[in-house]
Amino acid sequence: MELDDELCVCFHVSQRKVKNFIKVEKPSKVSQLSECFGAGTGCGWCRPYLRKLFASDTELIEVSSDDYLAERRLYKEAKKKRKKSLKEQK
C-alpha cells in the first residue's frame, strides 16, 4: 500500500494520517489510534494493521491496495455470515 491509500476504509483514514498521528500525538497504547479520525472503530478489519503501524512507526503495510481491499471484502462477508448464523440459532 502507498502512504495515501486508505488503511481504515470505513472512515477513509490513510496510512499517512495514522503515521502522522503516531508521530505527533505519541499515543501510549494502540487503542488511542481511534482518536485519529475514528480509525479502527468501524468494521474492525484494519485493527491488526493499526497494531502493526503502532509497533513500528517506520513500517508501511506491505500488501497491495487491491489485495487489501479484496481481503477486507472477504472479511466483511464472513462477518455477515456469522451474524446471520447467530440469528438463526436464536
C-alpha atoms as a PDB file:
ATOM      1  CA  MET A   1       0.000   0.000   0.000  1.00  0.00           C
ATOM      2  CA  GLU A   2       1.039   3.568  -0.570  1.00  0.00           C
ATOM      3  CA  LEU A   3       1.049   6.211   2.151  1.00  0.00           C
ATOM      4  CA  ASP A   4      -2.125   7.851   0.848  1.00  0.00           C
ATOM      5  CA  ASP A   5      -4.086   4.600   0.461  1.00  0.00           C
ATOM      6  CA  GLU A   6      -6.913   4.149   2.936  1.00  0.00           C
ATOM      7  CA  LEU A   7      -5.967   1.961   5.859  1.00  0.00           C
ATOM      8  CA  CYS A   8      -9.338   2.418   7.582  1.00  0.00           C
ATOM      9  CA  VAL A   9     -11.787   2.168   4.709  1.00  0.00           C
ATOM     10  CA  CYS A  10     -14.852   2.802   6.906  1.00  0.00           C
ATOM     11  CA  PHE A  11     -13.652   6.283   7.875  1.00  0.00           C
ATOM     12  CA  HIS A  12     -11.276   6.981   4.951  1.00  0.00           C
ATOM     13  CA  VAL A  13      -8.144   7.195   7.112  1.00  0.00           C
ATOM     14  CA  SER A  14      -4.915   6.832   5.151  1.00  0.00           C
ATOM     15  CA  GLN A  15      -1.672   5.285   6.326  1.00  0.00           C
ATOM     16  CA  ARG A  16      -0.149   8.756   6.165  1.00  0.00           C
ATOM     17  CA  LYS A  17      -2.743  10.122   8.614  1.00  0.00           C
ATOM     18  CA  VAL A  18      -2.126   7.267  11.058  1.00  0.00           C
ATOM     19  CA  LYS A  19       1.662   7.568  10.807  1.00  0.00           C
ATOM     20  CA  ASN A  20       1.492  11.351  11.322  1.00  0.00           C
ATOM     21  CA  PHE A  21      -0.881  10.881  14.253  1.00  0.00           C
ATOM     22  CA  ILE A  22       1.605   8.481  15.868  1.00  0.00           C
ATOM     23  CA  LYS A  23       4.480  10.874  15.232  1.00  0.00           C
ATOM     24  CA  VAL A  24       2.703  13.988  16.540  1.00  0.00           C
ATOM     25  CA  GLU A  25       0.430  12.651  19.288  1.00  0.00           C
ATOM     26  CA  LYS A  26       2.727   9.852  20.531  1.00  0.00           C
ATOM     27  CA  PRO A  27      -0.091   7.601  21.779  1.00  0.00           C
ATOM     28  CA  SER A  28       0.888   5.298  24.642  1.00  0.00           C
ATOM     29  CA  LYS A  29      -1.406   2.467  23.571  1.00  0.00           C
ATOM     30  CA  VAL A  30      -2.770   1.236  20.275  1.00  0.00           C
ATOM     31  CA  SER A  31      -6.402   1.902  21.222  1.00  0.00           C
ATOM     32  CA  GLN A  32      -5.639   5.630  21.157  1.00  0.00           C
ATOM     33  CA  LEU A  33      -5.304   5.401  17.376  1.00  0.00           C
ATOM     34  CA  SER A  34      -9.112   5.548  17.298  1.00  0.00           C
ATOM     35  CA  GLU A  35      -8.660   9.258  18.027  1.00  0.00           C
ATOM     36  CA  CYS A  36      -7.190   9.540  14.525  1.00  0.00           C
ATOM     37  CA  PHE A  37     -10.454  10.232  12.672  1.00  0.00           C
ATOM     38  CA  GLY A  38     -12.093   7.091  14.172  1.00  0.00           C
ATOM     39  CA  ALA A  39      -9.587   4.635  12.707  1.00  0.00           C
ATOM     40  CA  GLY A  40     -10.378   1.057  13.704  1.00  0.00           C
ATOM     41  CA  THR A  41     -13.831   1.761  15.133  1.00  0.00           C
ATOM     42  CA  GLY A  42     -15.894   0.634  12.127  1.00  0.00           C
ATOM     43  CA  CYS A  43     -15.841  -2.935  10.846  1.00  0.00           C
ATOM     44  CA  GLY A  44     -12.600  -3.839  12.622  1.00  0.00           C
ATOM     45  CA  TRP A  45     -10.694  -5.030   9.564  1.00  0.00           C
ATOM     46  CA  CYS A  46      -7.862  -2.527   9.930  1.00  0.00           C
ATOM     47  CA  ARG A  47      -7.136  -3.175  13.624  1.00  0.00           C
ATOM     48  CA  PRO A  48      -4.305  -5.683  13.029  1.00  0.00           C
ATOM     49  CA  TYR A  49      -2.725  -3.219  10.606  1.00  0.00           C
ATOM     50  CA  LEU A  50      -3.091  -0.372  13.095  1.00  0.00           C
ATOM     51  CA  ARG A  51      -1.336  -2.534  15.713  1.00  0.00           C
ATOM     52  CA  LYS A  52       1.472  -3.176  13.223  1.00  0.00           C
ATOM     53  CA  LEU A  53       1.946   0.535  12.492  1.00  0.00           C
ATOM     54  CA  PHE A  54       1.809   1.336  16.202  1.00  0.00           C
ATOM     55  CA  ALA A  55       4.513  -1.238  16.983  1.00  0.00           C
ATOM     56  CA  SER A  56       6.821   0.141  14.283  1.00  0.00           C
ATOM     57  CA  ASP A  57       6.051   3.662  13.128  1.00  0.00           C
ATOM     58  CA  THR A  58       8.620   3.448  10.325  1.00  0.00           C
ATOM     59  CA  GLU A  59       6.996   0.470   8.609  1.00  0.00           C
ATOM     60  CA  LEU A  60       4.407   0.575   5.839  1.00  0.00           C
ATOM     61  CA  ILE A  61       1.764  -2.075   5.266  1.00  0.00           C
ATOM     62  CA  GLU A  62       3.313  -4.389   2.706  1.00  0.00           C
ATOM     63  CA  VAL A  63       0.293  -5.536   0.744  1.00  0.00           C
ATOM     64  CA  SER A  64      -1.090  -4.117  -2.469  1.00  0.00           C
ATOM     65  CA  SER A  65      -4.089  -1.849  -2.162  1.00  0.00           C
ATOM     66  CA  ASP A  66      -6.141  -4.193  -4.363  1.00  0.00           C
ATOM     67  CA  ASP A  67      -5.284  -7.239  -2.214  1.00  0.00           C
ATOM     68  CA  TYR A  68      -6.028  -5.286   0.958  1.00  0.00           C
ATOM     69  CA  LEU A  69      -9.485  -4.321  -0.298  1.00  0.00           C
ATOM     70  CA  ALA A  70     -10.207  -7.851  -1.581  1.00  0.00           C
ATOM     71  CA  GLU A  71      -9.273  -9.367   1.785  1.00  0.00           C
ATOM     72  CA  ARG A  72     -11.447  -6.792   3.560  1.00  0.00           C
ATOM     73  CA  ARG A  73     -14.378  -7.721   1.322  1.00  0.00           C
ATOM     74  CA  LEU A  74     -13.961 -11.399   2.308  1.00  0.00           C
ATOM     75  CA  TYR A  75     -13.688 -10.415   5.975  1.00  0.00           C
ATOM     76  CA  LYS A  76     -16.936  -8.450   5.827  1.00  0.00           C
ATOM     77  CA  GLU A  77     -18.753 -11.276   4.006  1.00  0.00           C
ATOM     78  CA  ALA A  78     -17.626 -13.796   6.636  1.00  0.00           C
ATOM     79  CA  LYS A  79     -18.687 -11.441   9.414  1.00  0.00           C
ATOM     80  CA  LYS A  80     -22.121 -11.065   7.818  1.00  0.00           C
ATOM     81  CA  LYS A  81     -22.486 -14.881   7.558  1.00  0.00           C
ATOM     82  CA  ARG A  82     -21.551 -15.328  11.227  1.00  0.00           C
ATOM     83  CA  LYS A  83     -24.124 -12.730  12.235  1.00  0.00           C
ATOM     84  CA  LYS A  84     -26.808 -14.432  10.144  1.00  0.00           C
ATOM     85  CA  SER A  85     -25.926 -17.822  11.608  1.00  0.00           C
ATOM     86  CA  LEU A  86     -26.203 -16.475  15.154  1.00  0.00           C
ATOM     87  CA  LYS A  87     -29.636 -15.001  14.415  1.00  0.00           C
ATOM     88  CA  GLU A  88     -30.829 -18.336  13.023  1.00  0.00           C
ATOM     89  CA  GLN A  89     -29.662 -20.158  16.168  1.00  0.00           C
ATOM     90  CA  LYS A  90     -31.874 -17.993  18.403  1.00  0.00           C
END
